[in-house]
Amino acid sequence: MTPLAGHLAYALAWLSFGALHSLLARSFVKDRLRPLFGPWYRLAYNGLSVAHIAAVWAVGWFAFAGAGAFGLPGWARGLLLAVEIAGWGLMAAALAGYDLGRLGGMSQIRHHRRGVAEPEDEPLRTDRLHRFVRHPIYSAGFLILWGRIGNEFELATAIWGSLYLVIGALFEERWLLTHYGAAYADYRRRVPAFVPWKGRAI
């Protein structure tokens, strides 16, 4: 596969992931699928997302199979490793602020088995890392992606993965504005999206 064809195939794979992820997040799609999956909907959604991103990664691995390392000097590799480690640390700190059972889909199943109604959506989060950036998980994703650019495959992953995160954040913010209204509009005016250039903004 030529380099151009490899980049095109990988870009299309990322496009398919973004399109399906966006489609499944639409209210009219969720309203039709939830009766089929019941309390397993969120877990099935996450499982499909993991399988799909694994398929995207496989396309990239095949497309850039012959690409060697960039041959970066030791100081550059060390710097990139530090960026990646910082990204994983930020990811752990960001996830610690969420209800992981609810996010993963297990809380919904437990509530169903106990015959308890599923709790309403969480209130707007403006605490912890959200005082610095609106999307700390995405910020962590950027650091992880760009801390792993040792070859052409990893560079392409950083490019297309970052584009997915930016577009995904735009779609997410549309939902947040609809869901939380003026409260989120005010929060968005005060707090940066990904880079904490204001420091603690609120």
N, C-alpha and C. Protein backbone atom coordinates (compact mmCIF):
# COMPACT_ATOMS: atom_id res chain seq x y z
N MET A 1 0.84 -1.19 0.00
CA MET A 1 0.00 0.00 0.00
C MET A 1 0.88 1.25 0.00
N THR A 2 0.60 2.18 -0.90
CA THR A 2 1.38 3.41 -0.98
C THR A 2 1.09 4.28 0.25
N PRO A 3 2.04 5.19 0.60
CA PRO A 3 1.79 6.06 1.76
C PRO A 3 0.49 6.85 1.65
N LEU A 4 0.18 7.37 0.44
CA LEU A 4 -1.04 8.14 0.26
C LEU A 4 -2.27 7.26 0.49
N ALA A 5 -2.25 6.05 -0.07
CA ALA A 5 -3.37 5.13 0.10
C ALA A 5 -3.51 4.73 1.57
N GLY A 6 -2.38 4.57 2.25
CA GLY A 6 -2.42 4.22 3.66
C GLY A 6 -3.07 5.32 4.50
N HIS A 7 -2.67 6.56 4.24
CA HIS A 7 -3.27 7.67 4.98
C HIS A 7 -4.76 7.80 4.67
N LEU A 8 -5.13 7.58 3.40
CA LEU A 8 -6.54 7.68 3.02
C LEU A 8 -7.37 6.59 3.71
N ALA A 9 -6.85 5.36 3.69
CA ALA A 9 -7.56 4.25 4.33
C ALA A 9 -7.72 4.50 5.82
N TYR A 10 -6.66 4.99 6.45
CA TYR A 10 -6.71 5.24 7.89
C TYR A 10 -7.65 6.40 8.22
N ALA A 11 -7.62 7.43 7.40
CA ALA A 11 -8.53 8.56 7.60
C ALA A 11 -9.98 8.12 7.48
N LEU A 12 -10.27 7.29 6.49
CA LEU A 12 -11.64 6.79 6.30
C LEU A 12 -12.07 5.91 7.47
N ALA A 13 -11.12 5.15 8.01
CA ALA A 13 -11.44 4.32 9.18
C ALA A 13 -11.81 5.20 10.37
N TRP A 14 -11.05 6.26 10.59
CA TRP A 14 -11.38 7.19 11.67
C TRP A 14 -12.71 7.89 11.40
N LEU A 15 -12.96 8.23 10.14
CA LEU A 15 -14.23 8.86 9.78
C LEU A 15 -15.40 7.93 10.09
N SER A 16 -15.23 6.65 9.82
CA SER A 16 -16.31 5.69 10.11
C SER A 16 -16.57 5.61 11.61
N PHE A 17 -15.50 5.66 12.39
CA PHE A 17 -15.67 5.62 13.85
C PHE A 17 -16.40 6.86 14.35
N GLY A 18 -15.97 8.03 13.88
CA GLY A 18 -16.61 9.27 14.30
C GLY A 18 -18.07 9.33 13.89
N ALA A 19 -18.36 8.88 12.66
CA ALA A 19 -19.73 8.94 12.16
C ALA A 19 -20.65 8.01 12.96
N LEU A 20 -20.20 6.79 13.22
CA LEU A 20 -21.03 5.84 13.97
C LEU A 20 -21.19 6.29 15.42
N HIS A 21 -20.11 6.79 16.01
CA HIS A 21 -20.16 7.26 17.38
C HIS A 21 -21.16 8.42 17.51
N SER A 22 -21.11 9.32 16.53
CA SER A 22 -22.03 10.46 16.55
C SER A 22 -23.47 10.00 16.34
N LEU A 23 -23.67 9.06 15.42
CA LEU A 23 -25.01 8.57 15.13
C LEU A 23 -25.63 7.91 16.35
N LEU A 24 -24.86 7.07 17.04
CA LEU A 24 -25.38 6.35 18.20
C LEU A 24 -25.63 7.28 19.39
N ALA A 25 -25.02 8.46 19.35
CA ALA A 25 -25.23 9.42 20.44
C ALA A 25 -26.46 10.28 20.20
N ARG A 26 -27.04 10.22 19.00
CA ARG A 26 -28.23 11.01 18.70
C ARG A 26 -29.43 10.50 19.49
N SER A 27 -30.24 11.42 19.96
CA SER A 27 -31.38 11.05 20.80
C SER A 27 -32.36 10.13 20.08
N PHE A 28 -32.63 10.41 18.80
CA PHE A 28 -33.62 9.60 18.10
C PHE A 28 -33.13 8.17 17.88
N VAL A 29 -31.80 7.98 17.77
CA VAL A 29 -31.25 6.63 17.64
C VAL A 29 -31.30 5.92 18.99
N LYS A 30 -30.89 6.62 20.05
CA LYS A 30 -30.92 6.00 21.38
C LYS A 30 -32.34 5.63 21.79
N ASP A 31 -33.30 6.47 21.43
CA ASP A 31 -34.69 6.17 21.78
C ASP A 31 -35.20 4.90 21.10
N ARG A 32 -34.65 4.59 19.93
CA ARG A 32 -35.06 3.37 19.21
C ARG A 32 -34.29 2.14 19.65
N LEU A 33 -33.05 2.33 20.09
CA LEU A 33 -32.23 1.18 20.47
C LEU A 33 -32.40 0.78 21.93
N ARG A 34 -32.71 1.73 22.79
CA ARG A 34 -32.83 1.42 24.22
C ARG A 34 -33.87 0.33 24.49
N PRO A 35 -35.06 0.34 23.83
CA PRO A 35 -36.01 -0.75 24.09
C PRO A 35 -35.45 -2.12 23.71
N LEU A 36 -34.53 -2.18 22.75
CA LEU A 36 -33.96 -3.46 22.33
C LEU A 36 -32.94 -3.98 23.34
N PHE A 37 -32.14 -3.05 23.89
CA PHE A 37 -31.06 -3.46 24.79
C PHE A 37 -31.40 -3.28 26.27
N GLY A 38 -32.41 -2.46 26.55
CA GLY A 38 -32.77 -2.23 27.94
C GLY A 38 -31.62 -1.65 28.72
N PRO A 39 -31.39 -2.15 29.95
CA PRO A 39 -30.31 -1.61 30.79
C PRO A 39 -28.91 -1.92 30.26
N TRP A 40 -28.82 -2.79 29.25
CA TRP A 40 -27.53 -3.16 28.66
C TRP A 40 -27.09 -2.20 27.58
N TYR A 41 -27.89 -1.16 27.32
CA TYR A 41 -27.60 -0.27 26.19
C TYR A 41 -26.21 0.38 26.32
N ARG A 42 -25.93 0.98 27.48
CA ARG A 42 -24.67 1.69 27.64
C ARG A 42 -23.48 0.75 27.53
N LEU A 43 -23.59 -0.45 28.12
CA LEU A 43 -22.51 -1.42 28.04
C LEU A 43 -22.30 -1.87 26.60
N ALA A 44 -23.41 -2.10 25.87
CA ALA A 44 -23.30 -2.50 24.46
C ALA A 44 -22.69 -1.39 23.63
N TYR A 45 -23.07 -0.15 23.92
CA TYR A 45 -22.52 1.01 23.22
C TYR A 45 -21.01 1.09 23.42
N ASN A 46 -20.57 0.92 24.67
CA ASN A 46 -19.13 0.97 24.96
C ASN A 46 -18.40 -0.20 24.31
N GLY A 47 -19.00 -1.39 24.35
CA GLY A 47 -18.37 -2.55 23.73
C GLY A 47 -18.20 -2.36 22.23
N LEU A 48 -19.23 -1.83 21.58
CA LEU A 48 -19.13 -1.56 20.14
C LEU A 48 -18.06 -0.52 19.85
N SER A 49 -17.97 0.51 20.70
CA SER A 49 -16.96 1.55 20.50
C SER A 49 -15.55 0.98 20.62
N VAL A 50 -15.34 0.11 21.61
CA VAL A 50 -14.02 -0.50 21.79
C VAL A 50 -13.67 -1.38 20.59
N ALA A 51 -14.64 -2.18 20.14
CA ALA A 51 -14.39 -3.06 18.98
C ALA A 51 -14.11 -2.24 17.73
N HIS A 52 -14.83 -1.14 17.56
CA HIS A 52 -14.67 -0.30 16.38
C HIS A 52 -13.31 0.39 16.39
N ILE A 53 -12.90 0.95 17.52
CA ILE A 53 -11.60 1.63 17.56
C ILE A 53 -10.47 0.63 17.40
N ALA A 54 -10.67 -0.62 17.85
CA ALA A 54 -9.67 -1.66 17.63
C ALA A 54 -9.56 -1.97 16.13
N ALA A 55 -10.70 -1.97 15.44
CA ALA A 55 -10.68 -2.19 13.99
C ALA A 55 -9.99 -1.03 13.28
N VAL A 56 -10.23 0.18 13.74
CA VAL A 56 -9.56 1.36 13.16
C VAL A 56 -8.05 1.23 13.34
N TRP A 57 -7.63 0.86 14.54
CA TRP A 57 -6.20 0.68 14.82
C TRP A 57 -5.61 -0.40 13.91
N ALA A 58 -6.35 -1.49 13.68
CA ALA A 58 -5.87 -2.58 12.82
C ALA A 58 -5.68 -2.09 11.39
N VAL A 59 -6.60 -1.25 10.90
CA VAL A 59 -6.45 -0.67 9.57
C VAL A 59 -5.17 0.14 9.49
N GLY A 60 -4.91 0.97 10.50
CA GLY A 60 -3.69 1.76 10.52
C GLY A 60 -2.44 0.91 10.61
N TRP A 61 -2.49 -0.12 11.44
CA TRP A 61 -1.32 -1.00 11.58
C TRP A 61 -1.00 -1.65 10.25
N PHE A 62 -2.03 -2.10 9.53
CA PHE A 62 -1.81 -2.72 8.22
C PHE A 62 -1.34 -1.69 7.20
N ALA A 63 -1.94 -0.50 7.22
CA ALA A 63 -1.61 0.53 6.23
C ALA A 63 -0.17 1.00 6.36
N PHE A 64 0.37 1.01 7.59
CA PHE A 64 1.72 1.53 7.82
C PHE A 64 2.67 0.44 8.31
N ALA A 65 2.38 -0.80 7.92
CA ALA A 65 3.15 -1.93 8.43
C ALA A 65 4.63 -1.83 8.09
N GLY A 66 4.96 -1.24 6.96
CA GLY A 66 6.36 -1.17 6.55
C GLY A 66 7.09 0.06 7.04
N ALA A 67 6.41 0.93 7.75
CA ALA A 67 7.03 2.18 8.19
C ALA A 67 7.93 1.94 9.40
N GLY A 68 9.14 2.47 9.34
CA GLY A 68 10.06 2.34 10.45
C GLY A 68 9.99 3.51 11.40
N ALA A 69 10.80 3.43 12.44
CA ALA A 69 10.82 4.51 13.43
C ALA A 69 11.44 5.76 12.82
N PHE A 70 11.10 6.90 13.39
CA PHE A 70 11.60 8.17 12.89
C PHE A 70 13.08 8.40 13.19
N GLY A 71 13.64 7.65 14.11
CA GLY A 71 15.04 7.85 14.48
C GLY A 71 15.26 9.14 15.26
N LEU A 72 14.37 9.43 16.18
CA LEU A 72 14.47 10.64 16.98
C LEU A 72 15.63 10.53 17.96
N PRO A 73 16.27 11.67 18.27
CA PRO A 73 17.35 11.63 19.28
C PRO A 73 16.81 11.28 20.65
N GLY A 74 17.69 10.86 21.52
CA GLY A 74 17.28 10.41 22.85
C GLY A 74 16.51 11.45 23.63
N TRP A 75 16.93 12.72 23.56
CA TRP A 75 16.23 13.75 24.33
C TRP A 75 14.79 13.92 23.85
N ALA A 76 14.58 13.77 22.51
CA ALA A 76 13.23 13.91 21.96
C ALA A 76 12.34 12.75 22.40
N ARG A 77 12.91 11.54 22.38
CA ARG A 77 12.13 10.38 22.84
C ARG A 77 11.77 10.52 24.31
N GLY A 78 12.72 11.03 25.10
CA GLY A 78 12.45 11.24 26.53
C GLY A 78 11.37 12.28 26.76
N LEU A 79 11.41 13.34 25.96
CA LEU A 79 10.41 14.39 26.09
C LEU A 79 9.03 13.87 25.72
N LEU A 80 8.96 13.11 24.63
CA LEU A 80 7.67 12.54 24.22
C LEU A 80 7.14 11.57 25.26
N LEU A 81 8.03 10.78 25.84
CA LEU A 81 7.61 9.84 26.89
C LEU A 81 7.03 10.60 28.08
N ALA A 82 7.66 11.71 28.44
CA ALA A 82 7.15 12.53 29.55
C ALA A 82 5.77 13.08 29.23
N VAL A 83 5.56 13.49 27.97
CA VAL A 83 4.25 13.99 27.55
C VAL A 83 3.21 12.88 27.65
N GLU A 84 3.56 11.68 27.20
CA GLU A 84 2.61 10.57 27.26
C GLU A 84 2.28 10.20 28.70
N ILE A 85 3.29 10.14 29.56
CA ILE A 85 3.05 9.81 30.97
C ILE A 85 2.16 10.86 31.62
N ALA A 86 2.41 12.13 31.28
CA ALA A 86 1.56 13.20 31.81
C ALA A 86 0.12 13.02 31.34
N GLY A 87 -0.03 12.58 30.09
CA GLY A 87 -1.37 12.33 29.56
C GLY A 87 -2.09 11.23 30.31
N TRP A 88 -1.40 10.14 30.60
CA TRP A 88 -2.04 9.05 31.34
C TRP A 88 -2.37 9.48 32.77
N GLY A 89 -1.48 10.28 33.37
CA GLY A 89 -1.78 10.79 34.71
C GLY A 89 -3.00 11.69 34.71
N LEU A 90 -3.07 12.57 33.71
CA LEU A 90 -4.23 13.45 33.60
C LEU A 90 -5.50 12.66 33.32
N MET A 91 -5.39 11.61 32.52
CA MET A 91 -6.55 10.77 32.23
C MET A 91 -7.08 10.11 33.51
N ALA A 92 -6.15 9.58 34.32
CA ALA A 92 -6.56 8.94 35.58
C ALA A 92 -7.23 9.95 36.50
N ALA A 93 -6.67 11.16 36.58
CA ALA A 93 -7.25 12.19 37.44
C ALA A 93 -8.61 12.63 36.93
N ALA A 94 -8.76 12.72 35.60
CA ALA A 94 -10.03 13.15 35.02
C ALA A 94 -11.11 12.09 35.24
N LEU A 95 -10.78 10.83 35.03
CA LEU A 95 -11.76 9.76 35.20
C LEU A 95 -12.17 9.59 36.65
N ALA A 96 -11.28 9.94 37.56
CA ALA A 96 -11.60 9.82 38.99
C ALA A 96 -12.75 10.74 39.40
N GLY A 97 -13.01 11.75 38.59
CA GLY A 97 -14.09 12.67 38.89
C GLY A 97 -15.45 12.24 38.37
N TYR A 98 -15.51 11.08 37.74
CA TYR A 98 -16.77 10.61 37.16
C TYR A 98 -17.26 9.35 37.86
N ASP A 99 -18.53 9.07 37.70
CA ASP A 99 -19.10 7.80 38.16
C ASP A 99 -18.78 6.76 37.09
N LEU A 100 -17.71 5.99 37.30
CA LEU A 100 -17.24 5.06 36.27
C LEU A 100 -18.22 3.92 36.05
N GLY A 101 -18.97 3.55 37.08
CA GLY A 101 -19.98 2.52 36.90
C GLY A 101 -21.05 2.97 35.93
N ARG A 102 -21.49 4.21 36.09
CA ARG A 102 -22.49 4.77 35.18
C ARG A 102 -21.92 4.97 33.79
N LEU A 103 -20.68 5.47 33.73
CA LEU A 103 -20.03 5.71 32.45
C LEU A 103 -19.81 4.41 31.68
N GLY A 104 -19.44 3.36 32.40
CA GLY A 104 -19.19 2.08 31.75
C GLY A 104 -20.44 1.28 31.44
N GLY A 105 -21.54 1.57 32.14
CA GLY A 105 -22.78 0.87 31.87
C GLY A 105 -23.16 -0.16 32.91
N MET A 106 -22.33 -0.38 33.92
CA MET A 106 -22.63 -1.39 34.93
C MET A 106 -23.66 -0.91 35.95
N SER A 107 -23.65 0.39 36.26
CA SER A 107 -24.62 0.90 37.23
C SER A 107 -26.05 0.72 36.74
N GLN A 108 -26.26 0.92 35.44
CA GLN A 108 -27.60 0.77 34.88
C GLN A 108 -28.10 -0.67 35.04
N ILE A 109 -27.21 -1.63 34.85
CA ILE A 109 -27.58 -3.03 34.98
C ILE A 109 -27.89 -3.37 36.44
N ARG A 110 -27.06 -2.87 37.36
CA ARG A 110 -27.30 -3.13 38.79
C ARG A 110 -28.63 -2.53 39.24
N HIS A 111 -28.91 -1.30 38.81
CA HIS A 111 -30.19 -0.68 39.18
C HIS A 111 -31.37 -1.49 38.65
N HIS A 112 -31.23 -1.99 37.42
CA HIS A 112 -32.32 -2.77 36.83
C HIS A 112 -32.54 -4.06 37.62
N ARG A 113 -31.47 -4.74 37.99
CA ARG A 113 -31.61 -6.00 38.73
C ARG A 113 -32.21 -5.80 40.11
N ARG A 114 -31.98 -4.63 40.68
CA ARG A 114 -32.54 -4.33 42.00
C ARG A 114 -33.94 -3.75 41.91
N GLY A 115 -34.40 -3.49 40.68
CA GLY A 115 -35.71 -2.90 40.51
C GLY A 115 -35.76 -1.44 40.91
N VAL A 116 -34.62 -0.77 40.84
CA VAL A 116 -34.51 0.64 41.22
C VAL A 116 -34.43 1.48 39.96
N ALA A 117 -35.13 2.61 39.95
CA ALA A 117 -35.09 3.49 38.79
C ALA A 117 -33.69 4.06 38.61
N GLU A 118 -33.27 4.18 37.35
CA GLU A 118 -31.95 4.74 37.06
C GLU A 118 -31.94 6.22 37.43
N PRO A 119 -30.87 6.69 38.12
CA PRO A 119 -30.81 8.10 38.52
C PRO A 119 -30.82 9.03 37.31
N GLU A 120 -31.24 10.26 37.54
CA GLU A 120 -31.21 11.26 36.48
C GLU A 120 -29.76 11.58 36.11
N ASP A 121 -29.58 12.30 35.00
CA ASP A 121 -28.24 12.70 34.60
C ASP A 121 -27.57 13.50 35.70
N GLU A 122 -26.25 13.40 35.75
CA GLU A 122 -25.49 14.15 36.74
C GLU A 122 -25.63 15.65 36.50
N PRO A 123 -25.48 16.46 37.54
CA PRO A 123 -25.49 17.90 37.33
C PRO A 123 -24.26 18.33 36.53
N LEU A 124 -24.28 19.53 36.03
CA LEU A 124 -23.16 20.06 35.26
C LEU A 124 -21.91 20.05 36.12
N ARG A 125 -20.84 19.44 35.59
CA ARG A 125 -19.59 19.35 36.34
C ARG A 125 -18.74 20.59 36.11
N THR A 126 -18.44 21.32 37.17
CA THR A 126 -17.55 22.47 37.09
C THR A 126 -16.51 22.42 38.21
N ASP A 127 -16.33 21.23 38.79
CA ASP A 127 -15.38 21.08 39.89
C ASP A 127 -14.12 20.39 39.40
N ARG A 128 -13.18 20.14 40.32
CA ARG A 128 -11.95 19.42 40.05
C ARG A 128 -11.26 19.97 38.80
N LEU A 129 -10.91 19.11 37.85
CA LEU A 129 -10.19 19.57 36.65
C LEU A 129 -11.05 20.44 35.75
N HIS A 130 -12.37 20.35 35.92
CA HIS A 130 -13.26 21.18 35.10
C HIS A 130 -13.18 22.66 35.45
N ARG A 131 -12.48 22.99 36.52
CA ARG A 131 -12.25 24.40 36.83
C ARG A 131 -11.17 24.99 35.92
N PHE A 132 -10.40 24.11 35.26
CA PHE A 132 -9.30 24.56 34.41
C PHE A 132 -9.62 24.41 32.92
N VAL A 133 -10.25 23.29 32.56
CA VAL A 133 -10.62 23.03 31.17
C VAL A 133 -11.99 22.36 31.13
N ARG A 134 -12.70 22.55 30.03
CA ARG A 134 -14.04 21.96 29.92
C ARG A 134 -13.99 20.47 29.62
N HIS A 135 -12.92 20.03 28.96
CA HIS A 135 -12.84 18.62 28.52
C HIS A 135 -11.51 18.00 28.95
N PRO A 136 -11.33 17.74 30.24
CA PRO A 136 -10.04 17.21 30.70
C PRO A 136 -9.69 15.84 30.11
N ILE A 137 -10.70 15.01 29.84
CA ILE A 137 -10.40 13.70 29.25
C ILE A 137 -9.84 13.87 27.85
N TYR A 138 -10.39 14.80 27.10
CA TYR A 138 -9.88 15.06 25.76
C TYR A 138 -8.47 15.65 25.82
N SER A 139 -8.24 16.54 26.80
CA SER A 139 -6.89 17.11 26.97
C SER A 139 -5.88 15.99 27.21
N ALA A 140 -6.26 15.03 28.04
CA ALA A 140 -5.39 13.89 28.29
C ALA A 140 -5.17 13.08 27.02
N GLY A 141 -6.24 12.93 26.23
CA GLY A 141 -6.12 12.19 24.97
C GLY A 141 -5.12 12.83 24.02
N PHE A 142 -5.13 14.15 23.94
CA PHE A 142 -4.16 14.84 23.07
C PHE A 142 -2.72 14.55 23.52
N LEU A 143 -2.49 14.62 24.83
CA LEU A 143 -1.13 14.37 25.34
C LEU A 143 -0.68 12.94 25.04
N ILE A 144 -1.58 11.99 25.24
CA ILE A 144 -1.23 10.58 24.98
C ILE A 144 -0.94 10.37 23.50
N LEU A 145 -1.80 10.91 22.64
CA LEU A 145 -1.61 10.73 21.20
C LEU A 145 -0.31 11.33 20.71
N TRP A 146 -0.02 12.57 21.12
CA TRP A 146 1.17 13.26 20.62
C TRP A 146 2.43 12.86 21.36
N GLY A 147 2.29 12.14 22.48
CA GLY A 147 3.46 11.60 23.15
C GLY A 147 3.93 10.29 22.57
N ARG A 148 3.21 9.80 21.55
CA ARG A 148 3.54 8.49 20.97
C ARG A 148 3.84 8.60 19.47
N ILE A 149 4.50 9.64 19.04
CA ILE A 149 4.73 9.82 17.60
C ILE A 149 6.14 9.37 17.22
N GLY A 150 6.41 8.10 17.43
CA GLY A 150 7.72 7.56 17.11
C GLY A 150 7.86 7.05 15.69
N ASN A 151 6.74 6.90 14.97
CA ASN A 151 6.78 6.43 13.58
C ASN A 151 5.58 7.01 12.83
N GLU A 152 5.50 6.69 11.54
CA GLU A 152 4.45 7.29 10.71
C GLU A 152 3.05 6.86 11.14
N PHE A 153 2.90 5.61 11.56
CA PHE A 153 1.61 5.13 12.04
C PHE A 153 1.16 5.92 13.26
N GLU A 154 2.06 6.13 14.21
CA GLU A 154 1.69 6.86 15.42
C GLU A 154 1.44 8.34 15.13
N LEU A 155 2.17 8.90 14.17
CA LEU A 155 1.92 10.29 13.78
C LEU A 155 0.54 10.42 13.14
N ALA A 156 0.20 9.49 12.24
CA ALA A 156 -1.12 9.51 11.61
C ALA A 156 -2.21 9.33 12.66
N THR A 157 -1.96 8.45 13.65
CA THR A 157 -2.94 8.25 14.72
C THR A 157 -3.14 9.54 15.51
N ALA A 158 -2.05 10.26 15.78
CA ALA A 158 -2.15 11.52 16.51
C ALA A 158 -2.96 12.55 15.71
N ILE A 159 -2.72 12.61 14.41
CA ILE A 159 -3.41 13.59 13.57
C ILE A 159 -4.91 13.29 13.51
N TRP A 160 -5.25 12.06 13.09
CA TRP A 160 -6.66 11.72 12.91
C TRP A 160 -7.38 11.59 14.24
N GLY A 161 -6.68 11.08 15.26
CA GLY A 161 -7.29 10.99 16.57
C GLY A 161 -7.58 12.36 17.16
N SER A 162 -6.67 13.30 16.96
CA SER A 162 -6.89 14.67 17.45
C SER A 162 -8.05 15.33 16.74
N LEU A 163 -8.14 15.12 15.42
CA LEU A 163 -9.25 15.68 14.67
C LEU A 163 -10.58 15.11 15.18
N TYR A 164 -10.59 13.82 15.47
CA TYR A 164 -11.80 13.20 16.03
C TYR A 164 -12.17 13.83 17.37
N LEU A 165 -11.18 14.07 18.23
CA LEU A 165 -11.45 14.66 19.54
C LEU A 165 -12.02 16.07 19.42
N VAL A 166 -11.47 16.85 18.49
CA VAL A 166 -11.96 18.22 18.31
C VAL A 166 -13.40 18.21 17.82
N ILE A 167 -13.67 17.40 16.79
CA ILE A 167 -15.04 17.34 16.26
C ILE A 167 -15.99 16.75 17.29
N GLY A 168 -15.52 15.72 18.00
CA GLY A 168 -16.35 15.12 19.04
C GLY A 168 -16.71 16.11 20.13
N ALA A 169 -15.75 16.97 20.50
CA ALA A 169 -16.02 17.98 21.51
C ALA A 169 -17.07 18.98 21.03
N LEU A 170 -17.03 19.33 19.74
CA LEU A 170 -18.02 20.26 19.20
C LEU A 170 -19.43 19.67 19.29
N PHE A 171 -19.56 18.39 18.94
CA PHE A 171 -20.87 17.73 19.03
C PHE A 171 -21.31 17.62 20.49
N GLU A 172 -20.36 17.30 21.37
CA GLU A 172 -20.70 17.17 22.78
C GLU A 172 -21.17 18.50 23.35
N GLU A 173 -20.53 19.58 22.92
CA GLU A 173 -20.91 20.89 23.45
C GLU A 173 -22.31 21.30 22.98
N ARG A 174 -22.68 20.90 21.79
CA ARG A 174 -24.05 21.17 21.33
C ARG A 174 -25.05 20.50 22.26
N TRP A 175 -24.77 19.26 22.64
CA TRP A 175 -25.67 18.55 23.55
C TRP A 175 -25.67 19.21 24.93
N LEU A 176 -24.50 19.61 25.42
CA LEU A 176 -24.40 20.23 26.73
C LEU A 176 -25.17 21.55 26.78
N LEU A 177 -25.08 22.33 25.70
CA LEU A 177 -25.84 23.58 25.64
C LEU A 177 -27.33 23.31 25.66
N THR A 178 -27.76 22.28 24.91
CA THR A 178 -29.18 21.94 24.90
C THR A 178 -29.64 21.44 26.26
N HIS A 179 -28.79 20.65 26.90
CA HIS A 179 -29.17 19.99 28.15
C HIS A 179 -29.10 20.93 29.36
N TYR A 180 -28.05 21.74 29.43
CA TYR A 180 -27.84 22.58 30.61
C TYR A 180 -28.11 24.06 30.36
N GLY A 181 -28.30 24.45 29.11
CA GLY A 181 -28.72 25.81 28.79
C GLY A 181 -27.75 26.89 29.19
N ALA A 182 -28.28 27.95 29.83
CA ALA A 182 -27.49 29.14 30.16
C ALA A 182 -26.34 28.81 31.11
N ALA A 183 -26.53 27.82 31.98
CA ALA A 183 -25.46 27.46 32.92
C ALA A 183 -24.22 27.00 32.18
N TYR A 184 -24.42 26.17 31.12
CA TYR A 184 -23.25 25.72 30.36
C TYR A 184 -22.70 26.83 29.48
N ALA A 185 -23.58 27.68 28.93
CA ALA A 185 -23.12 28.80 28.10
C ALA A 185 -22.19 29.71 28.91
N ASP A 186 -22.57 29.99 30.16
CA ASP A 186 -21.73 30.83 31.02
C ASP A 186 -20.43 30.12 31.35
N TYR A 187 -20.51 28.84 31.65
CA TYR A 187 -19.31 28.05 31.95
C TYR A 187 -18.37 28.04 30.75
N ARG A 188 -18.92 27.87 29.57
CA ARG A 188 -18.09 27.82 28.36
C ARG A 188 -17.39 29.15 28.10
N ARG A 189 -18.04 30.25 28.43
CA ARG A 189 -17.41 31.56 28.25
C ARG A 189 -16.22 31.75 29.18
N ARG A 190 -16.26 31.11 30.32
CA ARG A 190 -15.25 31.36 31.35
C ARG A 190 -14.09 30.36 31.32
N VAL A 191 -14.33 29.14 30.85
CA VAL A 191 -13.32 28.07 30.96
C VAL A 191 -12.88 27.61 29.58
N PRO A 192 -11.56 27.52 29.31
CA PRO A 192 -11.07 27.04 28.02
C PRO A 192 -11.46 25.59 27.76
N ALA A 193 -11.41 25.19 26.49
CA ALA A 193 -11.83 23.84 26.12
C ALA A 193 -10.81 22.78 26.51
N PHE A 194 -9.55 22.94 26.09
CA PHE A 194 -8.55 21.87 26.26
C PHE A 194 -7.29 22.32 26.99
N VAL A 195 -6.87 23.55 26.77
CA VAL A 195 -5.58 24.04 27.31
C VAL A 195 -5.88 25.00 28.45
N PRO A 196 -5.37 24.75 29.65
CA PRO A 196 -5.69 25.60 30.82
C PRO A 196 -4.90 26.91 30.82
N TRP A 197 -5.03 27.68 29.77
CA TRP A 197 -4.23 28.91 29.66
C TRP A 197 -4.68 30.01 30.63
N LYS A 198 -5.85 29.86 31.21
CA LYS A 198 -6.32 30.82 32.22
C LYS A 198 -5.95 30.39 33.63
N GLY A 199 -5.33 29.20 33.78
CA GLY A 199 -5.15 28.67 35.11
C GLY A 199 -6.47 28.17 35.66
N ARG A 200 -6.70 28.36 36.94
CA ARG A 200 -8.00 28.00 37.52
C ARG A 200 -9.00 29.09 37.13
N ALA A 201 -9.89 28.77 36.21
CA ALA A 201 -10.79 29.77 35.64
C ALA A 201 -12.00 30.07 36.51
N ILE A 202 -12.42 29.10 37.35
CA ILE A 202 -13.58 29.33 38.22
C ILE A 202 -13.29 28.76 39.61
